[in-house]
Protein backbone atom coordinates (compact mmCIF):
# COMPACT_ATOMS: atom_id res chain seq x y z
CA UNK A 1 0.00 0.00 0.00
CA UNK A 2 2.87 2.37 0.71
CA UNK A 3 4.28 1.86 -2.78
CA UNK A 4 1.00 2.72 -4.47
CA UNK A 5 0.18 5.50 -2.02
CA UNK A 6 -3.31 4.36 -0.98
CA UNK A 7 -5.27 1.54 0.58
CA UNK A 8 -7.41 -0.77 -1.52
CA UNK A 9 -11.17 -0.31 -1.35
CA UNK A 10 -13.22 -2.98 0.37
CA UNK A 11 -15.02 -5.36 -1.97
CA UNK A 12 -12.75 -4.94 -4.97
CA UNK A 13 -9.91 -7.15 -6.18
CA UNK A 14 -6.53 -6.94 -7.87
CA UNK A 15 -4.45 -9.59 -9.58
CA UNK A 16 -0.67 -9.81 -9.45
CA UNK A 17 1.87 -12.34 -10.70
CA UNK A 18 2.52 -15.27 -8.37
CA UNK A 19 6.30 -14.70 -8.57
CA UNK A 20 7.89 -17.54 -6.55
CA UNK A 21 4.59 -19.08 -5.46
CA UNK A 22 3.32 -22.27 -7.12
CA UNK A 23 0.61 -20.30 -8.92
CA UNK A 24 0.69 -18.01 -11.91
CA UNK A 25 -1.37 -15.29 -10.21
CA UNK A 26 -2.49 -14.11 -6.79
CA UNK A 27 -5.87 -12.46 -6.34
CA UNK A 28 -6.02 -9.83 -3.60
CA UNK A 29 -9.22 -8.55 -2.04
CA UNK A 30 -10.09 -6.58 1.07
CA UNK A 31 -13.08 -7.97 2.90
CA UNK A 32 -15.36 -6.02 5.20
CA UNK A 33 -14.56 -5.69 8.89
CA UNK A 34 -17.57 -6.48 11.05
CA UNK A 35 -17.60 -4.70 14.37
CA UNK A 36 -20.95 -4.91 16.04
CA UNK A 37 -23.92 -6.44 14.28
CA UNK A 38 -23.68 -7.91 10.81
CA UNK A 39 -25.62 -5.79 8.32
CA UNK A 40 -26.59 -5.85 4.65
CA UNK A 41 -23.67 -3.60 3.64
CA UNK A 42 -21.19 -6.11 5.09
CA UNK A 43 -22.89 -8.88 3.12
CA UNK A 44 -22.88 -6.87 -0.12
CA UNK A 45 -19.19 -6.04 0.27
CA UNK A 46 -18.27 -9.67 0.93
CA UNK A 47 -20.22 -10.79 -2.12
CA UNK A 48 -18.39 -8.14 -4.13
CA UNK A 49 -15.04 -9.58 -3.00
CA UNK A 50 -15.91 -12.96 -4.48
CA UNK A 51 -17.42 -11.51 -7.65
CA UNK A 52 -14.44 -9.23 -8.26
CA UNK A 53 -12.02 -12.13 -7.85
CA UNK A 54 -14.01 -14.42 -10.13
CA UNK A 55 -14.24 -11.77 -12.85
CA UNK A 56 -10.50 -11.04 -12.69
CA UNK A 57 -9.73 -14.74 -12.80
CA UNK A 58 -11.88 -15.23 -15.91
CA UNK A 59 -10.46 -12.14 -17.62
CA UNK A 60 -6.95 -13.51 -17.08
CA UNK A 61 -7.65 -17.06 -18.22
CA UNK A 62 -7.30 -18.57 -14.76
CA UNK A 63 -8.58 -22.14 -14.71
CA UNK A 64 -8.89 -22.52 -10.94
CA UNK A 65 -9.06 -20.29 -7.90
CA UNK A 66 -8.77 -21.04 -4.19
CA UNK A 67 -10.60 -18.85 -1.71
CA UNK A 68 -9.80 -18.61 1.97
CA UNK A 69 -12.61 -17.70 4.36
CA UNK A 70 -12.61 -14.00 3.46
CA UNK A 71 -13.34 -11.62 6.36
CA UNK A 72 -13.77 -14.28 9.03
CA UNK A 73 -11.42 -14.56 11.98
CA UNK A 74 -10.04 -11.20 13.12
CA UNK A 75 -12.24 -9.36 10.59
CA UNK A 76 -15.28 -10.53 12.57
CA UNK A 77 -17.58 -11.79 9.82
CA UNK A 78 -19.62 -14.72 11.20
CA UNK A 79 -18.33 -17.95 9.66
CA UNK A 80 -21.63 -19.52 8.66
CA UNK A 81 -22.95 -16.37 7.00
CA UNK A 82 -19.64 -15.76 5.22
CA UNK A 83 -19.58 -19.32 3.89
CA UNK A 84 -23.17 -19.05 2.67
CA UNK A 85 -22.34 -15.84 0.79
CA UNK A 86 -19.22 -17.44 -0.71
CA UNK A 87 -21.03 -20.55 -1.94
CA UNK A 88 -24.10 -18.66 -3.19
CA UNK A 89 -21.97 -16.08 -5.01
CA UNK A 90 -19.87 -18.72 -6.78
CA UNK A 91 -22.99 -20.65 -7.79
CA UNK A 92 -24.71 -17.51 -9.08
CA UNK A 93 -21.61 -16.44 -11.00
CA UNK A 94 -21.27 -19.82 -12.65
CA UNK A 95 -24.95 -19.89 -13.60
CA UNK A 96 -24.91 -16.37 -15.04
CA UNK A 97 -21.65 -16.71 -16.96
CA UNK A 98 -21.50 -20.42 -17.83
CA UNK A 99 -18.09 -20.31 -16.18
CA UNK A 100 -16.24 -23.57 -15.76
CA UNK A 101 -13.56 -22.14 -13.46
CA UNK A 102 -12.67 -24.60 -10.71
CA UNK A 103 -13.28 -23.09 -7.27
CA UNK A 104 -11.67 -24.43 -4.12
CA UNK A 105 -12.80 -23.26 -0.70
CA UNK A 106 -9.65 -23.49 1.40
CA UNK A 107 -10.44 -23.71 5.11
CA UNK A 108 -8.19 -23.61 8.15
CA UNK A 109 -10.53 -24.48 11.00
CA UNK A 110 -12.43 -27.74 11.43
CA UNK A 111 -15.56 -25.69 12.09
CA UNK A 112 -15.25 -24.07 8.65
CA UNK A 113 -14.76 -27.48 7.04
CA UNK A 114 -18.02 -28.69 8.58
CA UNK A 115 -19.86 -25.55 7.46
CA UNK A 116 -18.66 -25.85 3.84
CA UNK A 117 -19.34 -29.58 3.73
CA UNK A 118 -22.87 -28.88 4.86
CA UNK A 119 -23.38 -26.17 2.25
CA UNK A 120 -21.80 -28.08 -0.61
CA UNK A 121 -23.42 -31.41 0.26
C-alpha atoms as a PDB file:
ATOM      1  CA  UNK A   1       0.000   0.000   0.000  1.00  0.00           C
ATOM      2  CA  UNK A   2       2.869   2.369   0.710  1.00  0.00           C
ATOM      3  CA  UNK A   3       4.282   1.859  -2.780  1.00  0.00           C
ATOM      4  CA  UNK A   4       1.000   2.723  -4.472  1.00  0.00           C
ATOM      5  CA  UNK A   5       0.176   5.504  -2.024  1.00  0.00           C
ATOM      6  CA  UNK A   6      -3.307   4.356  -0.981  1.00  0.00           C
ATOM      7  CA  UNK A   7      -5.267   1.542   0.584  1.00  0.00           C
ATOM      8  CA  UNK A   8      -7.407  -0.766  -1.516  1.00  0.00           C
ATOM      9  CA  UNK A   9     -11.174  -0.313  -1.352  1.00  0.00           C
ATOM     10  CA  UNK A  10     -13.223  -2.982   0.370  1.00  0.00           C
ATOM     11  CA  UNK A  11     -15.025  -5.357  -1.973  1.00  0.00           C
ATOM     12  CA  UNK A  12     -12.746  -4.940  -4.974  1.00  0.00           C
ATOM     13  CA  UNK A  13      -9.910  -7.146  -6.182  1.00  0.00           C
ATOM     14  CA  UNK A  14      -6.530  -6.940  -7.871  1.00  0.00           C
ATOM     15  CA  UNK A  15      -4.454  -9.587  -9.580  1.00  0.00           C
ATOM     16  CA  UNK A  16      -0.672  -9.815  -9.451  1.00  0.00           C
ATOM     17  CA  UNK A  17       1.867 -12.339 -10.699  1.00  0.00           C
ATOM     18  CA  UNK A  18       2.518 -15.274  -8.375  1.00  0.00           C
ATOM     19  CA  UNK A  19       6.295 -14.700  -8.574  1.00  0.00           C
ATOM     20  CA  UNK A  20       7.888 -17.540  -6.547  1.00  0.00           C
ATOM     21  CA  UNK A  21       4.592 -19.084  -5.462  1.00  0.00           C
ATOM     22  CA  UNK A  22       3.319 -22.268  -7.116  1.00  0.00           C
ATOM     23  CA  UNK A  23       0.613 -20.305  -8.920  1.00  0.00           C
ATOM     24  CA  UNK A  24       0.691 -18.012 -11.914  1.00  0.00           C
ATOM     25  CA  UNK A  25      -1.366 -15.289 -10.211  1.00  0.00           C
ATOM     26  CA  UNK A  26      -2.493 -14.113  -6.791  1.00  0.00           C
ATOM     27  CA  UNK A  27      -5.867 -12.464  -6.338  1.00  0.00           C
ATOM     28  CA  UNK A  28      -6.017  -9.825  -3.604  1.00  0.00           C
ATOM     29  CA  UNK A  29      -9.223  -8.549  -2.042  1.00  0.00           C
ATOM     30  CA  UNK A  30     -10.093  -6.577   1.065  1.00  0.00           C
ATOM     31  CA  UNK A  31     -13.082  -7.965   2.903  1.00  0.00           C
ATOM     32  CA  UNK A  32     -15.362  -6.022   5.201  1.00  0.00           C
ATOM     33  CA  UNK A  33     -14.558  -5.694   8.887  1.00  0.00           C
ATOM     34  CA  UNK A  34     -17.575  -6.480  11.046  1.00  0.00           C
ATOM     35  CA  UNK A  35     -17.597  -4.701  14.369  1.00  0.00           C
ATOM     36  CA  UNK A  36     -20.951  -4.908  16.042  1.00  0.00           C
ATOM     37  CA  UNK A  37     -23.919  -6.443  14.281  1.00  0.00           C
ATOM     38  CA  UNK A  38     -23.685  -7.912  10.805  1.00  0.00           C
ATOM     39  CA  UNK A  39     -25.620  -5.789   8.318  1.00  0.00           C
ATOM     40  CA  UNK A  40     -26.586  -5.852   4.652  1.00  0.00           C
ATOM     41  CA  UNK A  41     -23.672  -3.595   3.639  1.00  0.00           C
ATOM     42  CA  UNK A  42     -21.191  -6.109   5.089  1.00  0.00           C
ATOM     43  CA  UNK A  43     -22.890  -8.877   3.117  1.00  0.00           C
ATOM     44  CA  UNK A  44     -22.882  -6.867  -0.124  1.00  0.00           C
ATOM     45  CA  UNK A  45     -19.186  -6.040   0.266  1.00  0.00           C
ATOM     46  CA  UNK A  46     -18.268  -9.668   0.925  1.00  0.00           C
ATOM     47  CA  UNK A  47     -20.222 -10.794  -2.122  1.00  0.00           C
ATOM     48  CA  UNK A  48     -18.393  -8.135  -4.127  1.00  0.00           C
ATOM     49  CA  UNK A  49     -15.042  -9.579  -2.997  1.00  0.00           C
ATOM     50  CA  UNK A  50     -15.909 -12.959  -4.475  1.00  0.00           C
ATOM     51  CA  UNK A  51     -17.422 -11.508  -7.653  1.00  0.00           C
ATOM     52  CA  UNK A  52     -14.444  -9.227  -8.260  1.00  0.00           C
ATOM     53  CA  UNK A  53     -12.022 -12.130  -7.854  1.00  0.00           C
ATOM     54  CA  UNK A  54     -14.011 -14.419 -10.134  1.00  0.00           C
ATOM     55  CA  UNK A  55     -14.244 -11.766 -12.851  1.00  0.00           C
ATOM     56  CA  UNK A  56     -10.505 -11.042 -12.686  1.00  0.00           C
ATOM     57  CA  UNK A  57      -9.735 -14.740 -12.802  1.00  0.00           C
ATOM     58  CA  UNK A  58     -11.883 -15.227 -15.907  1.00  0.00           C
ATOM     59  CA  UNK A  59     -10.458 -12.142 -17.618  1.00  0.00           C
ATOM     60  CA  UNK A  60      -6.945 -13.514 -17.081  1.00  0.00           C
ATOM     61  CA  UNK A  61      -7.649 -17.063 -18.215  1.00  0.00           C
ATOM     62  CA  UNK A  62      -7.296 -18.567 -14.758  1.00  0.00           C
ATOM     63  CA  UNK A  63      -8.582 -22.143 -14.708  1.00  0.00           C
ATOM     64  CA  UNK A  64      -8.894 -22.520 -10.936  1.00  0.00           C
ATOM     65  CA  UNK A  65      -9.061 -20.288  -7.898  1.00  0.00           C
ATOM     66  CA  UNK A  66      -8.768 -21.044  -4.187  1.00  0.00           C
ATOM     67  CA  UNK A  67     -10.603 -18.851  -1.709  1.00  0.00           C
ATOM     68  CA  UNK A  68      -9.800 -18.612   1.969  1.00  0.00           C
ATOM     69  CA  UNK A  69     -12.609 -17.700   4.358  1.00  0.00           C
ATOM     70  CA  UNK A  70     -12.606 -14.001   3.463  1.00  0.00           C
ATOM     71  CA  UNK A  71     -13.344 -11.615   6.364  1.00  0.00           C
ATOM     72  CA  UNK A  72     -13.772 -14.282   9.027  1.00  0.00           C
ATOM     73  CA  UNK A  73     -11.419 -14.557  11.981  1.00  0.00           C
ATOM     74  CA  UNK A  74     -10.044 -11.203  13.119  1.00  0.00           C
ATOM     75  CA  UNK A  75     -12.245  -9.358  10.590  1.00  0.00           C
ATOM     76  CA  UNK A  76     -15.283 -10.526  12.572  1.00  0.00           C
ATOM     77  CA  UNK A  77     -17.581 -11.791   9.824  1.00  0.00           C
ATOM     78  CA  UNK A  78     -19.619 -14.718  11.202  1.00  0.00           C
ATOM     79  CA  UNK A  79     -18.327 -17.946   9.658  1.00  0.00           C
ATOM     80  CA  UNK A  80     -21.627 -19.521   8.660  1.00  0.00           C
ATOM     81  CA  UNK A  81     -22.947 -16.367   6.997  1.00  0.00           C
ATOM     82  CA  UNK A  82     -19.637 -15.762   5.223  1.00  0.00           C
ATOM     83  CA  UNK A  83     -19.577 -19.319   3.894  1.00  0.00           C
ATOM     84  CA  UNK A  84     -23.168 -19.053   2.674  1.00  0.00           C
ATOM     85  CA  UNK A  85     -22.336 -15.844   0.793  1.00  0.00           C
ATOM     86  CA  UNK A  86     -19.215 -17.444  -0.709  1.00  0.00           C
ATOM     87  CA  UNK A  87     -21.032 -20.551  -1.938  1.00  0.00           C
ATOM     88  CA  UNK A  88     -24.097 -18.655  -3.186  1.00  0.00           C
ATOM     89  CA  UNK A  89     -21.967 -16.080  -5.007  1.00  0.00           C
ATOM     90  CA  UNK A  90     -19.875 -18.720  -6.780  1.00  0.00           C
ATOM     91  CA  UNK A  91     -22.992 -20.652  -7.785  1.00  0.00           C
ATOM     92  CA  UNK A  92     -24.715 -17.508  -9.081  1.00  0.00           C
ATOM     93  CA  UNK A  93     -21.615 -16.436 -11.001  1.00  0.00           C
ATOM     94  CA  UNK A  94     -21.275 -19.823 -12.655  1.00  0.00           C
ATOM     95  CA  UNK A  95     -24.951 -19.892 -13.599  1.00  0.00           C
ATOM     96  CA  UNK A  96     -24.912 -16.366 -15.039  1.00  0.00           C
ATOM     97  CA  UNK A  97     -21.654 -16.712 -16.958  1.00  0.00           C
ATOM     98  CA  UNK A  98     -21.501 -20.417 -17.835  1.00  0.00           C
ATOM     99  CA  UNK A  99     -18.092 -20.315 -16.180  1.00  0.00           C
ATOM    100  CA  UNK A 100     -16.237 -23.573 -15.758  1.00  0.00           C
ATOM    101  CA  UNK A 101     -13.564 -22.135 -13.462  1.00  0.00           C
ATOM    102  CA  UNK A 102     -12.666 -24.598 -10.713  1.00  0.00           C
ATOM    103  CA  UNK A 103     -13.276 -23.095  -7.269  1.00  0.00           C
ATOM    104  CA  UNK A 104     -11.669 -24.433  -4.118  1.00  0.00           C
ATOM    105  CA  UNK A 105     -12.802 -23.264  -0.698  1.00  0.00           C
ATOM    106  CA  UNK A 106      -9.648 -23.492   1.395  1.00  0.00           C
ATOM    107  CA  UNK A 107     -10.437 -23.714   5.107  1.00  0.00           C
ATOM    108  CA  UNK A 108      -8.186 -23.608   8.149  1.00  0.00           C
ATOM    109  CA  UNK A 109     -10.532 -24.485  11.001  1.00  0.00           C
ATOM    110  CA  UNK A 110     -12.430 -27.741  11.432  1.00  0.00           C
ATOM    111  CA  UNK A 111     -15.561 -25.686  12.090  1.00  0.00           C
ATOM    112  CA  UNK A 112     -15.255 -24.073   8.652  1.00  0.00           C
ATOM    113  CA  UNK A 113     -14.756 -27.481   7.040  1.00  0.00           C
ATOM    114  CA  UNK A 114     -18.020 -28.687   8.579  1.00  0.00           C
ATOM    115  CA  UNK A 115     -19.858 -25.553   7.462  1.00  0.00           C
ATOM    116  CA  UNK A 116     -18.662 -25.849   3.843  1.00  0.00           C
ATOM    117  CA  UNK A 117     -19.335 -29.580   3.726  1.00  0.00           C
ATOM    118  CA  UNK A 118     -22.873 -28.877   4.858  1.00  0.00           C
ATOM    119  CA  UNK A 119     -23.382 -26.168   2.252  1.00  0.00           C
ATOM    120  CA  UNK A 120     -21.803 -28.082  -0.611  1.00  0.00           C
ATOM    121  CA  UNK A 121     -23.417 -31.413   0.256  1.00  0.00           C
END
